[in-house]
All heavy atoms as atom14 arrays in JSON, in Angstrom:
{
  "sequence": "LELSSAAYPWPLEAFQPTVDSLTGSALVSLLPLVFFFTALGVFSL",
  "atom14_mask": [
    [1, 1, 1, 1, 1, 1, 1, 1, 0, 0, 0, 0, 0, 0],
    [1, 1, 1, 1, 1, 1, 1, 1, 1, 0, 0, 0, 0, 0],
    [1, 1, 1, 1, 1, 1, 1, 1, 0, 0, 0, 0, 0, 0],
    [1, 1, 1, 1, 1, 1, 0, 0, 0, 0, 0, 0, 0, 0],
    [1, 1, 1, 1, 1, 1, 0, 0, 0, 0, 0, 0, 0, 0],
    [1, 1, 1, 1, 1, 0, 0, 0, 0, 0, 0, 0, 0, 0],
    [1, 1, 1, 1, 1, 0, 0, 0, 0, 0, 0, 0, 0, 0],
    [1, 1, 1, 1, 1, 1, 1, 1, 1, 1, 1, 1, 0, 0],
    [1, 1, 1, 1, 1, 1, 1, 0, 0, 0, 0, 0, 0, 0],
    [1, 1, 1, 1, 1, 1, 1, 1, 1, 1, 1, 1, 1, 1],
    [1, 1, 1, 1, 1, 1, 1, 0, 0, 0, 0, 0, 0, 0],
    [1, 1, 1, 1, 1, 1, 1, 1, 0, 0, 0, 0, 0, 0],
    [1, 1, 1, 1, 1, 1, 1, 1, 1, 0, 0, 0, 0, 0],
    [1, 1, 1, 1, 1, 0, 0, 0, 0, 0, 0, 0, 0, 0],
    [1, 1, 1, 1, 1, 1, 1, 1, 1, 1, 1, 0, 0, 0],
    [1, 1, 1, 1, 1, 1, 1, 1, 1, 0, 0, 0, 0, 0],
    [1, 1, 1, 1, 1, 1, 1, 0, 0, 0, 0, 0, 0, 0],
    [1, 1, 1, 1, 1, 1, 1, 0, 0, 0, 0, 0, 0, 0],
    [1, 1, 1, 1, 1, 1, 1, 0, 0, 0, 0, 0, 0, 0],
    [1, 1, 1, 1, 1, 1, 1, 1, 0, 0, 0, 0, 0, 0],
    [1, 1, 1, 1, 1, 1, 0, 0, 0, 0, 0, 0, 0, 0],
    [1, 1, 1, 1, 1, 1, 1, 1, 0, 0, 0, 0, 0, 0],
    [1, 1, 1, 1, 1, 1, 1, 0, 0, 0, 0, 0, 0, 0],
    [1, 1, 1, 1, 0, 0, 0, 0, 0, 0, 0, 0, 0, 0],
    [1, 1, 1, 1, 1, 1, 0, 0, 0, 0, 0, 0, 0, 0],
    [1, 1, 1, 1, 1, 0, 0, 0, 0, 0, 0, 0, 0, 0],
    [1, 1, 1, 1, 1, 1, 1, 1, 0, 0, 0, 0, 0, 0],
    [1, 1, 1, 1, 1, 1, 1, 0, 0, 0, 0, 0, 0, 0],
    [1, 1, 1, 1, 1, 1, 0, 0, 0, 0, 0, 0, 0, 0],
    [1, 1, 1, 1, 1, 1, 1, 1, 0, 0, 0, 0, 0, 0],
    [1, 1, 1, 1, 1, 1, 1, 1, 0, 0, 0, 0, 0, 0],
    [1, 1, 1, 1, 1, 1, 1, 0, 0, 0, 0, 0, 0, 0],
    [1, 1, 1, 1, 1, 1, 1, 1, 0, 0, 0, 0, 0, 0],
    [1, 1, 1, 1, 1, 1, 1, 0, 0, 0, 0, 0, 0, 0],
    [1, 1, 1, 1, 1, 1, 1, 1, 1, 1, 1, 0, 0, 0],
    [1, 1, 1, 1, 1, 1, 1, 1, 1, 1, 1, 0, 0, 0],
    [1, 1, 1, 1, 1, 1, 1, 1, 1, 1, 1, 0, 0, 0],
    [1, 1, 1, 1, 1, 1, 1, 0, 0, 0, 0, 0, 0, 0],
    [1, 1, 1, 1, 1, 0, 0, 0, 0, 0, 0, 0, 0, 0],
    [1, 1, 1, 1, 1, 1, 1, 1, 0, 0, 0, 0, 0, 0],
    [1, 1, 1, 1, 0, 0, 0, 0, 0, 0, 0, 0, 0, 0],
    [1, 1, 1, 1, 1, 1, 1, 0, 0, 0, 0, 0, 0, 0],
    [1, 1, 1, 1, 1, 1, 1, 1, 1, 1, 1, 0, 0, 0],
    [1, 1, 1, 1, 1, 1, 0, 0, 0, 0, 0, 0, 0, 0],
    [1, 1, 1, 1, 1, 1, 1, 1, 0, 0, 0, 0, 0, 0]
  ],
  "atom14_positions": [
    [[0.85, -1.19, 0.0], [0.0, 0.0, 0.0], [0.88, 1.23, 0.0], [1.71, 1.42, 0.88], [-0.9, 0.01, 1.24], [-1.82, 1.21, 1.38], [-2.87, 1.17, 0.27], [-2.48, 1.23, 2.73], [0.0, 0.0, 0.0], [0.0, 0.0, 0.0], [0.0, 0.0, 0.0], [0.0, 0.0, 0.0], [0.0, 0.0, 0.0], [0.0, 0.0, 0.0]],
    [[0.74, 2.05, -1.01], [1.58, 3.23, -1.12], [0.87, 4.43, -0.51], [-0.32, 4.64, -0.71], [1.91, 3.5, -2.59], [2.77, 2.39, -3.21], [3.16, 2.72, -4.64], [2.72, 3.78, -5.13], [3.89, 1.93, -5.25], [0.0, 0.0, 0.0], [0.0, 0.0, 0.0], [0.0, 0.0, 0.0], [0.0, 0.0, 0.0], [0.0, 0.0, 0.0]],
    [[1.62, 5.21, 0.23], [1.1, 6.41, 0.87], [1.85, 7.61, 0.35], [3.07, 7.62, 0.31], [1.27, 6.31, 2.39], [0.62, 5.09, 3.05], [1.08, 4.96, 4.5], [-0.88, 5.2, 3.0], [0.0, 0.0, 0.0], [0.0, 0.0, 0.0], [0.0, 0.0, 0.0], [0.0, 0.0, 0.0], [0.0, 0.0, 0.0], [0.0, 0.0, 0.0]],
    [[1.14, 8.6, -0.06], [1.79, 9.8, -0.58], [1.59, 10.95, 0.38], [0.63, 11.0, 1.13], [1.19, 10.16, -1.95], [-0.15, 10.55, -1.82], [0.0, 0.0, 0.0], [0.0, 0.0, 0.0], [0.0, 0.0, 0.0], [0.0, 0.0, 0.0], [0.0, 0.0, 0.0], [0.0, 0.0, 0.0], [0.0, 0.0, 0.0], [0.0, 0.0, 0.0]],
    [[2.51, 11.88, 0.35], [2.41, 13.01, 1.27], [1.17, 13.83, 1.01], [0.63, 14.46, 1.9], [3.67, 13.88, 1.14], [3.81, 14.35, -0.2], [0.0, 0.0, 0.0], [0.0, 0.0, 0.0], [0.0, 0.0, 0.0], [0.0, 0.0, 0.0], [0.0, 0.0, 0.0], [0.0, 0.0, 0.0], [0.0, 0.0, 0.0], [0.0, 0.0, 0.0]],
    [[0.68, 13.82, -0.24], [-0.52, 14.59, -0.57], [-1.76, 14.0, 0.07], [-2.77, 14.66, 0.22], [-0.7, 14.65, -2.08], [0.0, 0.0, 0.0], [0.0, 0.0, 0.0], [0.0, 0.0, 0.0], [0.0, 0.0, 0.0], [0.0, 0.0, 0.0], [0.0, 0.0, 0.0], [0.0, 0.0, 0.0], [0.0, 0.0, 0.0], [0.0, 0.0, 0.0]],
    [[-1.69, 12.72, 0.44], [-2.85, 12.04, 1.0], [-2.79, 11.99, 2.52], [-3.47, 11.21, 3.15], [-2.93, 10.62, 0.45], [0.0, 0.0, 0.0], [0.0, 0.0, 0.0], [0.0, 0.0, 0.0], [0.0, 0.0, 0.0], [0.0, 0.0, 0.0], [0.0, 0.0, 0.0], [0.0, 0.0, 0.0], [0.0, 0.0, 0.0], [0.0, 0.0, 0.0]],
    [[-1.96, 12.81, 3.11], [-1.82, 12.79, 4.57], [-1.65, 14.22, 5.06], [-1.0, 15.03, 4.41], [-0.62, 11.92, 4.97], [-0.67, 11.48, 6.39], [-1.59, 10.53, 6.81], [0.18, 12.04, 7.33], [-1.63, 10.13, 8.12], [0.13, 11.64, 8.66], [-0.78, 10.69, 9.04], [-0.84, 10.3, 10.35], [0.0, 0.0, 0.0], [0.0, 0.0, 0.0]],
    [[-2.23, 14.55, 6.2], [-2.17, 15.94, 6.65], [-0.79, 16.42, 7.09], [-0.58, 17.6, 7.24], [-3.15, 15.96, 7.83], [-3.21, 14.54, 8.29], [-3.06, 13.72, 7.05], [0.0, 0.0, 0.0], [0.0, 0.0, 0.0], [0.0, 0.0, 0.0], [0.0, 0.0, 0.0], [0.0, 0.0, 0.0], [0.0, 0.0, 0.0], [0.0, 0.0, 0.0]],
    [[0.15, 15.5, 7.33], [1.5, 15.88, 7.71], [2.49, 15.25, 6.75], [2.16, 14.36, 5.98], [1.76, 15.45, 9.15], [0.82, 16.14, 10.07], [0.87, 17.44, 10.46], [-0.36, 15.6, 10.64], [-0.19, 17.75, 11.26], [-0.97, 16.62, 11.4], [-0.98, 14.35, 10.59], [-2.16, 16.45, 12.08], [-2.15, 14.17, 11.28], [-2.73, 15.21, 12.02]],
    [[3.74, 15.67, 6.74], [4.72, 15.15, 5.79], [4.85, 13.64, 5.86], [4.6, 13.02, 6.88], [6.03, 15.83, 6.23], [5.59, 17.05, 6.96], [4.31, 16.69, 7.63], [0.0, 0.0, 0.0], [0.0, 0.0, 0.0], [0.0, 0.0, 0.0], [0.0, 0.0, 0.0], [0.0, 0.0, 0.0], [0.0, 0.0, 0.0], [0.0, 0.0, 0.0]],
    [[5.24, 13.04, 4.73], [5.41, 11.6, 4.66], [6.41, 11.12, 5.71], [6.31, 10.0, 6.22], [5.9, 11.18, 3.27], [6.02, 9.67, 2.99], [4.69, 8.98, 3.19], [6.55, 9.41, 1.59], [0.0, 0.0, 0.0], [0.0, 0.0, 0.0], [0.0, 0.0, 0.0], [0.0, 0.0, 0.0], [0.0, 0.0, 0.0], [0.0, 0.0, 0.0]],
    [[7.37, 11.99, 6.07], [8.35, 11.6, 7.07], [7.7, 11.29, 8.42], [8.29, 10.66, 9.28], [9.39, 12.72, 7.26], [10.35, 12.87, 6.1], [9.7, 13.51, 4.87], [8.61, 14.11, 5.02], [10.25, 13.38, 3.77], [0.0, 0.0, 0.0], [0.0, 0.0, 0.0], [0.0, 0.0, 0.0], [0.0, 0.0, 0.0], [0.0, 0.0, 0.0]],
    [[6.47, 11.78, 8.6], [5.78, 11.5, 9.86], [5.54, 10.0, 10.03], [5.31, 9.53, 11.14], [4.43, 12.23, 9.9], [0.0, 0.0, 0.0], [0.0, 0.0, 0.0], [0.0, 0.0, 0.0], [0.0, 0.0, 0.0], [0.0, 0.0, 0.0], [0.0, 0.0, 0.0], [0.0, 0.0, 0.0], [0.0, 0.0, 0.0], [0.0, 0.0, 0.0]],
    [[5.59, 9.24, 8.92], [5.43, 7.8, 9.02], [6.72, 7.13, 9.48], [6.75, 5.93, 9.72], [5.01, 7.2, 7.68], [3.53, 7.33, 7.41], [3.04, 8.38, 6.66], [2.64, 6.41, 7.93], [1.69, 8.5, 6.43], [1.29, 6.53, 7.7], [0.81, 7.57, 6.95], [0.0, 0.0, 0.0], [0.0, 0.0, 0.0], [0.0, 0.0, 0.0]],
    [[7.81, 7.87, 9.56], [9.08, 7.31, 10.04], [9.61, 8.17, 11.2], [10.62, 8.87, 11.06], [10.12, 7.27, 8.91], [9.72, 6.35, 7.76], [9.12, 7.1, 6.6], [9.45, 8.24, 6.37], [8.22, 6.47, 5.86], [0.0, 0.0, 0.0], [0.0, 0.0, 0.0], [0.0, 0.0, 0.0], [0.0, 0.0, 0.0], [0.0, 0.0, 0.0]],
    [[8.96, 8.15, 12.33], [9.39, 9.02, 13.43], [10.69, 8.6, 14.08], [11.34, 9.4, 14.73], [8.23, 8.92, 14.42], [7.63, 7.58, 14.15], [7.77, 7.37, 12.67], [0.0, 0.0, 0.0], [0.0, 0.0, 0.0], [0.0, 0.0, 0.0], [0.0, 0.0, 0.0], [0.0, 0.0, 0.0], [0.0, 0.0, 0.0], [0.0, 0.0, 0.0]],
    [[11.09, 7.33, 13.94], [12.32, 6.87, 14.59], [13.34, 6.38, 13.59], [14.52, 6.67, 13.7], [12.04, 5.74, 15.59], [11.36, 4.67, 14.91], [11.16, 6.24, 16.73], [0.0, 0.0, 0.0], [0.0, 0.0, 0.0], [0.0, 0.0, 0.0], [0.0, 0.0, 0.0], [0.0, 0.0, 0.0], [0.0, 0.0, 0.0], [0.0, 0.0, 0.0]],
    [[12.9, 5.61, 12.61], [13.8, 5.09, 11.58], [13.13, 5.27, 10.24], [11.94, 5.53, 10.15], [14.14, 3.6, 11.81], [14.94, 3.41, 13.07], [12.87, 2.76, 11.86], [0.0, 0.0, 0.0], [0.0, 0.0, 0.0], [0.0, 0.0, 0.0], [0.0, 0.0, 0.0], [0.0, 0.0, 0.0], [0.0, 0.0, 0.0], [0.0, 0.0, 0.0]],
    [[13.88, 5.12, 9.2], [13.36, 5.35, 7.85], [12.6, 4.12, 7.36], [12.99, 3.48, 6.38], [14.51, 5.68, 6.9], [13.98, 6.15, 5.55], [12.82, 6.57, 5.5], [14.75, 6.08, 4.57], [0.0, 0.0, 0.0], [0.0, 0.0, 0.0], [0.0, 0.0, 0.0], [0.0, 0.0, 0.0], [0.0, 0.0, 0.0], [0.0, 0.0, 0.0]],
    [[11.51, 3.78, 8.04], [10.72, 2.62, 7.63], [9.32, 2.72, 8.21], [9.1, 3.3, 9.29], [11.37, 1.31, 8.09], [11.21, 1.15, 9.48], [0.0, 0.0, 0.0], [0.0, 0.0, 0.0], [0.0, 0.0, 0.0], [0.0, 0.0, 0.0], [0.0, 0.0, 0.0], [0.0, 0.0, 0.0], [0.0, 0.0, 0.0], [0.0, 0.0, 0.0]],
    [[8.39, 2.16, 7.5], [7.01, 2.11, 7.98], [6.91, 1.24, 9.22], [6.12, 1.51, 10.13], [6.09, 1.58, 6.87], [4.6, 1.5, 7.18], [4.05, 2.86, 7.54], [3.85, 0.92, 5.98], [0.0, 0.0, 0.0], [0.0, 0.0, 0.0], [0.0, 0.0, 0.0], [0.0, 0.0, 0.0], [0.0, 0.0, 0.0], [0.0, 0.0, 0.0]],
    [[7.74, 0.2, 9.28], [7.73, -0.69, 10.44], [8.09, 0.07, 11.72], [7.42, -0.08, 12.76], [8.73, -1.85, 10.23], [8.33, -2.6, 9.09], [8.77, -2.76, 11.46], [0.0, 0.0, 0.0], [0.0, 0.0, 0.0], [0.0, 0.0, 0.0], [0.0, 0.0, 0.0], [0.0, 0.0, 0.0], [0.0, 0.0, 0.0], [0.0, 0.0, 0.0]],
    [[9.14, 0.88, 11.64], [9.53, 1.66, 12.81], [8.43, 2.59, 13.25], [8.17, 2.75, 14.45], [0.0, 0.0, 0.0], [0.0, 0.0, 0.0], [0.0, 0.0, 0.0], [0.0, 0.0, 0.0], [0.0, 0.0, 0.0], [0.0, 0.0, 0.0], [0.0, 0.0, 0.0], [0.0, 0.0, 0.0], [0.0, 0.0, 0.0], [0.0, 0.0, 0.0]],
    [[7.79, 3.21, 12.28], [6.7, 4.13, 12.6], [5.55, 3.39, 13.27], [4.95, 3.88, 14.24], [6.22, 4.82, 11.33], [5.14, 5.68, 11.6], [0.0, 0.0, 0.0], [0.0, 0.0, 0.0], [0.0, 0.0, 0.0], [0.0, 0.0, 0.0], [0.0, 0.0, 0.0], [0.0, 0.0, 0.0], [0.0, 0.0, 0.0], [0.0, 0.0, 0.0]],
    [[5.21, 2.21, 12.74], [4.12, 1.44, 13.31], [4.43, 1.01, 14.74], [3.55, 1.04, 15.62], [3.83, 0.23, 12.44], [0.0, 0.0, 0.0], [0.0, 0.0, 0.0], [0.0, 0.0, 0.0], [0.0, 0.0, 0.0], [0.0, 0.0, 0.0], [0.0, 0.0, 0.0], [0.0, 0.0, 0.0], [0.0, 0.0, 0.0], [0.0, 0.0, 0.0]],
    [[5.66, 0.6, 14.98], [6.05, 0.17, 16.32], [5.94, 1.32, 17.33], [5.52, 1.13, 18.47], [7.46, -0.41, 16.31], [7.63, -1.72, 15.52], [9.09, -2.14, 15.5], [6.76, -2.82, 16.12], [0.0, 0.0, 0.0], [0.0, 0.0, 0.0], [0.0, 0.0, 0.0], [0.0, 0.0, 0.0], [0.0, 0.0, 0.0], [0.0, 0.0, 0.0]],
    [[6.34, 2.51, 16.88], [6.2, 3.68, 17.76], [4.72, 3.97, 17.99], [4.3, 4.32, 19.1], [6.9, 4.9, 17.14], [6.56, 6.17, 17.9], [8.41, 4.69, 17.14], [0.0, 0.0, 0.0], [0.0, 0.0, 0.0], [0.0, 0.0, 0.0], [0.0, 0.0, 0.0], [0.0, 0.0, 0.0], [0.0, 0.0, 0.0], [0.0, 0.0, 0.0]],
    [[3.9, 3.79, 16.96], [2.46, 4.04, 17.08], [1.8, 3.09, 18.06], [0.76, 3.4, 18.65], [1.79, 3.9, 15.71], [2.3, 4.84, 14.8], [0.0, 0.0, 0.0], [0.0, 0.0, 0.0], [0.0, 0.0, 0.0], [0.0, 0.0, 0.0], [0.0, 0.0, 0.0], [0.0, 0.0, 0.0], [0.0, 0.0, 0.0], [0.0, 0.0, 0.0]],
    [[2.4, 1.93, 18.24], [1.84, 0.94, 19.16], [2.16, 1.24, 20.62], [1.58, 0.61, 21.52], [2.37, -0.46, 18.81], [1.75, -1.13, 17.58], [2.57, -2.36, 17.2], [0.3, -1.53, 17.86], [0.0, 0.0, 0.0], [0.0, 0.0, 0.0], [0.0, 0.0, 0.0], [0.0, 0.0, 0.0], [0.0, 0.0, 0.0], [0.0, 0.0, 0.0]],
    [[3.06, 2.16, 20.87], [3.5, 2.43, 22.24], [2.35, 2.76, 23.2], [2.32, 2.24, 24.33], [4.54, 3.55, 22.26], [5.93, 3.19, 21.72], [6.83, 4.42, 21.72], [6.55, 2.07, 22.57], [0.0, 0.0, 0.0], [0.0, 0.0, 0.0], [0.0, 0.0, 0.0], [0.0, 0.0, 0.0], [0.0, 0.0, 0.0], [0.0, 0.0, 0.0]],
    [[1.38, 3.62, 22.82], [0.29, 3.91, 23.77], [-0.51, 2.65, 24.14], [-0.89, 2.49, 25.3], [-0.59, 4.92, 23.0], [0.35, 5.54, 22.02], [1.29, 4.46, 21.61], [0.0, 0.0, 0.0], [0.0, 0.0, 0.0], [0.0, 0.0, 0.0], [0.0, 0.0, 0.0], [0.0, 0.0, 0.0], [0.0, 0.0, 0.0], [0.0, 0.0, 0.0]],
    [[-0.74, 1.77, 23.15], [-1.5, 0.55, 23.42], [-0.69, -0.41, 24.28], [-1.22, -1.06, 25.18], [-1.9, -0.13, 22.11], [-2.81, 0.67, 21.18], [-3.17, -0.15, 19.96], [-4.07, 1.11, 21.92], [0.0, 0.0, 0.0], [0.0, 0.0, 0.0], [0.0, 0.0, 0.0], [0.0, 0.0, 0.0], [0.0, 0.0, 0.0], [0.0, 0.0, 0.0]],
    [[0.6, -0.53, 23.97], [1.46, -1.39, 24.77], [1.48, -0.92, 26.22], [1.38, -1.72, 27.16], [2.89, -1.42, 24.2], [3.84, -2.15, 25.14], [2.9, -2.09, 22.82], [0.0, 0.0, 0.0], [0.0, 0.0, 0.0], [0.0, 0.0, 0.0], [0.0, 0.0, 0.0], [0.0, 0.0, 0.0], [0.0, 0.0, 0.0], [0.0, 0.0, 0.0]],
    [[1.59, 0.39, 26.4], [1.58, 0.95, 27.77], [0.27, 0.61, 28.46], [0.26, 0.16, 29.62], [1.78, 2.46, 27.72], [1.79, 3.11, 29.08], [2.99, 3.37, 29.74], [0.6, 3.46, 29.72], [3.01, 3.95, 31.0], [0.6, 4.04, 30.98], [1.81, 4.29, 31.61], [0.0, 0.0, 0.0], [0.0, 0.0, 0.0], [0.0, 0.0, 0.0]],
    [[-0.84, 0.83, 27.76], [-2.15, 0.64, 28.38], [-2.34, -0.81, 28.82], [-2.67, -1.09, 29.99], [-3.27, 1.03, 27.41], [-4.64, 0.96, 28.02], [-5.21, 2.08, 28.62], [-5.35, -0.23, 28.05], [-6.46, 2.01, 29.21], [-6.59, -0.31, 28.64], [-7.16, 0.81, 29.22], [0.0, 0.0, 0.0], [0.0, 0.0, 0.0], [0.0, 0.0, 0.0]],
    [[-2.17, -1.75, 27.89], [-2.46, -3.14, 28.21], [-1.43, -3.74, 29.16], [-1.74, -4.65, 29.92], [-2.58, -3.96, 26.92], [-3.84, -3.65, 26.15], [-3.79, -3.02, 24.92], [-5.07, -3.98, 26.67], [-4.94, -2.73, 24.21], [-6.24, -3.69, 25.98], [-6.18, -3.06, 24.75], [0.0, 0.0, 0.0], [0.0, 0.0, 0.0], [0.0, 0.0, 0.0]],
    [[-0.21, -3.25, 29.14], [0.79, -3.71, 30.11], [0.45, -3.22, 31.51], [0.47, -3.98, 32.48], [2.2, -3.23, 29.71], [2.54, -3.74, 28.42], [3.23, -3.73, 30.71], [0.0, 0.0, 0.0], [0.0, 0.0, 0.0], [0.0, 0.0, 0.0], [0.0, 0.0, 0.0], [0.0, 0.0, 0.0], [0.0, 0.0, 0.0], [0.0, 0.0, 0.0]],
    [[0.13, -1.94, 31.61], [-0.22, -1.37, 32.91], [-1.48, -2.01, 33.48], [-1.58, -2.27, 34.69], [-0.42, 0.14, 32.78], [0.0, 0.0, 0.0], [0.0, 0.0, 0.0], [0.0, 0.0, 0.0], [0.0, 0.0, 0.0], [0.0, 0.0, 0.0], [0.0, 0.0, 0.0], [0.0, 0.0, 0.0], [0.0, 0.0, 0.0], [0.0, 0.0, 0.0]],
    [[-2.44, -2.31, 32.59], [-3.7, -2.89, 33.05], [-3.59, -4.38, 33.3], [-3.98, -4.89, 34.36], [-4.8, -2.62, 32.01], [-6.22, -3.1, 32.36], [-6.73, -2.37, 33.59], [-7.16, -2.89, 31.17], [0.0, 0.0, 0.0], [0.0, 0.0, 0.0], [0.0, 0.0, 0.0], [0.0, 0.0, 0.0], [0.0, 0.0, 0.0], [0.0, 0.0, 0.0]],
    [[-3.03, -5.11, 32.31], [-3.02, -6.57, 32.4], [-1.9, -7.14, 33.22], [-2.05, -8.2, 33.84], [0.0, 0.0, 0.0], [0.0, 0.0, 0.0], [0.0, 0.0, 0.0], [0.0, 0.0, 0.0], [0.0, 0.0, 0.0], [0.0, 0.0, 0.0], [0.0, 0.0, 0.0], [0.0, 0.0, 0.0], [0.0, 0.0, 0.0], [0.0, 0.0, 0.0]],
    [[-0.75, -6.47, 33.26], [0.41, -7.0, 33.98], [0.52, -6.41, 35.38], [0.7, -7.13, 36.37], [1.72, -6.75, 33.19], [2.92, -7.27, 33.98], [1.65, -7.42, 31.82], [0.0, 0.0, 0.0], [0.0, 0.0, 0.0], [0.0, 0.0, 0.0], [0.0, 0.0, 0.0], [0.0, 0.0, 0.0], [0.0, 0.0, 0.0], [0.0, 0.0, 0.0]],
    [[0.41, -5.08, 35.47], [0.59, -4.42, 36.76], [-0.73, -4.15, 37.49], [-0.71, -3.67, 38.63], [1.37, -3.12, 36.57], [2.77, -3.34, 36.06], [3.08, -3.14, 34.72], [3.77, -3.78, 36.92], [4.38, -3.35, 34.25], [5.06, -3.99, 36.46], [5.37, -3.78, 35.12], [0.0, 0.0, 0.0], [0.0, 0.0, 0.0], [0.0, 0.0, 0.0]],
    [[-1.85, -4.41, 36.82], [-3.18, -4.28, 37.44], [-3.44, -2.89, 38.01], [-4.07, -2.74, 39.06], [-3.36, -5.33, 38.55], [-3.25, -6.63, 38.03], [0.0, 0.0, 0.0], [0.0, 0.0, 0.0], [0.0, 0.0, 0.0], [0.0, 0.0, 0.0], [0.0, 0.0, 0.0], [0.0, 0.0, 0.0], [0.0, 0.0, 0.0], [0.0, 0.0, 0.0]],
    [[-2.94, -1.87, 37.33], [-3.23, -0.5, 37.76], [-4.69, -0.17, 37.47], [-5.29, -0.72, 36.55], [-2.31, 0.48, 37.01], [-0.81, 0.38, 37.3], [-0.06, 1.4, 36.45], [-0.53, 0.61, 38.77], [0.0, 0.0, 0.0], [0.0, 0.0, 0.0], [0.0, 0.0, 0.0], [0.0, 0.0, 0.0], [0.0, 0.0, 0.0], [0.0, 0.0, 0.0]]
  ]
}
């Protein structure tokens, strides 16, 4: 699936916040969910 900068409200580089790859961007995007389910399911906060 190709994503162009014209089809996104911020620069295409926003998809690579840590490394020059979509995978890196996706992993960073997962951080809020990882935090939530870890805090809830593991630490029972």
